[in-house]
Amino acid sequence: HANCAALCRHPRNLDDRQIRALAEKGGLVGLTFAPSFVDPDHPTVERFLDHVEHAAGLVGPQALALGSDFDGIGETIPGLENPACFPGLAGALLARGFSEPEVRGIMGENLVRYLGRVLK
């Protein structure tokens, strides 16, 4: 799970070349809610959405998934504290111009499709 180094210079975030390479090999980028990966100074839902938009602009929304890291992060972003926030996140993605099928993909269908392919 990682976000975009172009927007936040966390050592585990991916640069644009790495994001493209993952997608070219059929992989997914699991975008994380970990505050330090989003923006260490101002981690917000809006800033997380900036990462989604940046990655989608590079490889398309079909190569994106959520990698929430709820099980491993100590701090959370207000509005992304737990899965109960997912309907609001889906609405925010729609407001950013993603289509309903794209949002369904990002929210989970891309991951289901990927797992179905690699676990055969």
Protein backbone atom coordinates (compact mmCIF):
# COMPACT_ATOMS: atom_id res chain seq x y z
CA HIS A 1 0.00 0.00 0.00
CA ALA A 2 1.34 3.36 -1.03
CA ASN A 3 0.39 6.74 -2.40
CA CYS A 4 1.97 9.13 -4.88
CA ALA A 5 5.47 10.43 -4.19
CA ALA A 6 4.70 13.34 -6.54
CA LEU A 7 2.28 14.61 -3.87
CA CYS A 8 3.97 13.41 -0.67
CA ARG A 9 7.62 12.45 -0.33
CA HIS A 10 7.12 9.52 2.05
CA PRO A 11 9.83 6.87 1.45
CA ARG A 12 7.23 4.16 0.74
CA ASN A 13 5.17 6.24 -1.70
CA LEU A 14 5.57 5.40 -5.37
CA ASP A 15 6.96 7.68 -8.04
CA ASP A 16 5.10 8.02 -11.33
CA ARG A 17 7.39 5.52 -13.06
CA GLN A 18 6.67 2.88 -10.40
CA ILE A 19 2.92 3.47 -10.59
CA ARG A 20 2.99 3.03 -14.36
CA ALA A 21 5.14 -0.11 -14.07
CA LEU A 22 2.68 -1.72 -11.64
CA ALA A 23 -0.24 -1.03 -13.96
CA GLU A 24 1.64 -2.21 -17.05
CA LYS A 25 2.18 -5.58 -15.34
CA GLY A 26 -1.51 -5.84 -14.44
CA GLY A 27 -1.03 -4.87 -10.80
CA LEU A 28 -3.02 -2.54 -8.59
CA VAL A 29 -1.96 0.43 -6.54
CA GLY A 30 -3.58 0.09 -3.11
CA LEU A 31 -3.89 3.70 -1.99
CA THR A 32 -3.48 4.00 1.76
CA PHE A 33 -5.21 6.17 4.34
CA ALA A 34 -2.07 6.36 6.50
CA PRO A 35 -1.79 10.09 7.31
CA SER A 36 1.97 10.30 6.80
CA PHE A 37 1.58 8.82 3.29
CA VAL A 38 -1.17 11.33 2.39
CA ASP A 39 0.26 14.58 3.76
CA PRO A 40 2.22 14.72 7.01
CA ASP A 41 1.17 18.31 7.67
CA HIS A 42 -2.47 18.32 6.53
CA PRO A 43 -3.86 14.79 6.08
CA THR A 44 -7.45 15.21 4.90
CA VAL A 45 -9.94 13.33 2.78
CA GLU A 46 -9.43 15.97 0.09
CA ARG A 47 -5.69 15.40 0.11
CA PHE A 48 -6.24 11.62 -0.15
CA LEU A 49 -8.50 12.28 -3.15
CA ASP A 50 -5.65 14.25 -4.73
CA HIS A 51 -3.60 11.03 -4.63
CA VAL A 52 -6.46 9.09 -6.23
CA GLU A 53 -6.76 11.67 -9.01
CA HIS A 54 -3.02 11.78 -9.62
CA ALA A 55 -2.70 8.00 -9.87
CA ALA A 56 -5.83 7.72 -12.02
CA GLY A 57 -4.39 10.34 -14.34
CA LEU A 58 -1.31 8.18 -14.79
CA VAL A 59 -2.82 4.71 -15.16
CA GLY A 60 -6.60 5.01 -15.07
CA PRO A 61 -8.94 4.21 -12.19
CA GLN A 62 -9.06 0.52 -13.18
CA ALA A 63 -5.54 0.11 -11.72
CA LEU A 64 -6.47 1.53 -8.31
CA ALA A 65 -7.81 0.03 -5.11
CA LEU A 66 -8.11 1.03 -1.48
CA GLY A 67 -5.34 -0.14 0.82
CA SER A 68 -6.80 1.43 3.94
CA ASP A 69 -4.29 -0.08 6.39
CA PHE A 70 -6.89 0.17 9.16
CA ASP A 71 -5.19 -2.81 10.78
CA GLY A 72 -1.79 -1.17 10.96
CA ILE A 73 -2.11 2.59 11.38
CA GLY A 74 -2.30 4.21 14.78
CA GLU A 75 -3.71 7.52 13.60
CA THR A 76 -6.47 8.08 11.09
CA ILE A 77 -7.64 10.90 8.89
CA PRO A 78 -10.93 12.52 9.93
CA GLY A 79 -13.53 11.12 7.56
CA LEU A 80 -11.47 7.98 6.89
CA GLU A 81 -11.44 6.43 10.36
CA ASN A 82 -13.13 3.12 9.52
CA PRO A 83 -15.17 1.34 6.83
CA ALA A 84 -18.32 3.18 7.92
CA CYS A 85 -16.77 6.18 6.12
CA PHE A 86 -16.75 4.41 2.74
CA PRO A 87 -20.12 5.74 1.52
CA GLY A 88 -18.84 9.27 2.10
CA LEU A 89 -15.61 8.44 0.29
CA ALA A 90 -17.56 7.06 -2.67
CA GLY A 91 -19.59 10.26 -2.78
CA ALA A 92 -16.42 12.35 -2.68
CA LEU A 93 -14.99 10.36 -5.60
CA LEU A 94 -18.17 10.99 -7.58
CA ALA A 95 -17.91 14.69 -6.74
CA ARG A 96 -14.36 14.66 -8.11
CA GLY A 97 -15.70 13.46 -11.46
CA PHE A 98 -15.20 9.72 -11.30
CA SER A 99 -18.06 7.73 -12.85
CA GLU A 100 -20.13 5.27 -10.83
CA PRO A 101 -18.40 2.24 -12.44
CA GLU A 102 -15.00 3.80 -11.73
CA VAL A 103 -15.95 4.44 -8.10
CA ARG A 104 -17.21 0.87 -7.69
CA GLY A 105 -13.90 -0.31 -9.09
CA ILE A 106 -11.78 1.80 -6.76
CA MET A 107 -13.95 0.90 -3.77
CA GLY A 108 -13.48 -2.84 -4.29
CA GLU A 109 -14.41 -4.28 -7.67
CA ASN A 110 -10.90 -3.77 -9.09
CA LEU A 111 -9.46 -5.77 -6.20
CA VAL A 112 -12.03 -8.56 -6.61
CA ARG A 113 -11.25 -8.76 -10.33
CA TYR A 114 -7.49 -8.80 -9.64
CA LEU A 115 -7.76 -11.53 -7.00
CA GLY A 116 -9.96 -13.62 -9.29
CA ARG A 117 -7.26 -13.43 -11.95
CA VAL A 118 -4.21 -14.15 -9.80
CA LEU A 119 -5.73 -16.81 -7.54
CA LYS A 120 -6.77 -19.14 -10.39
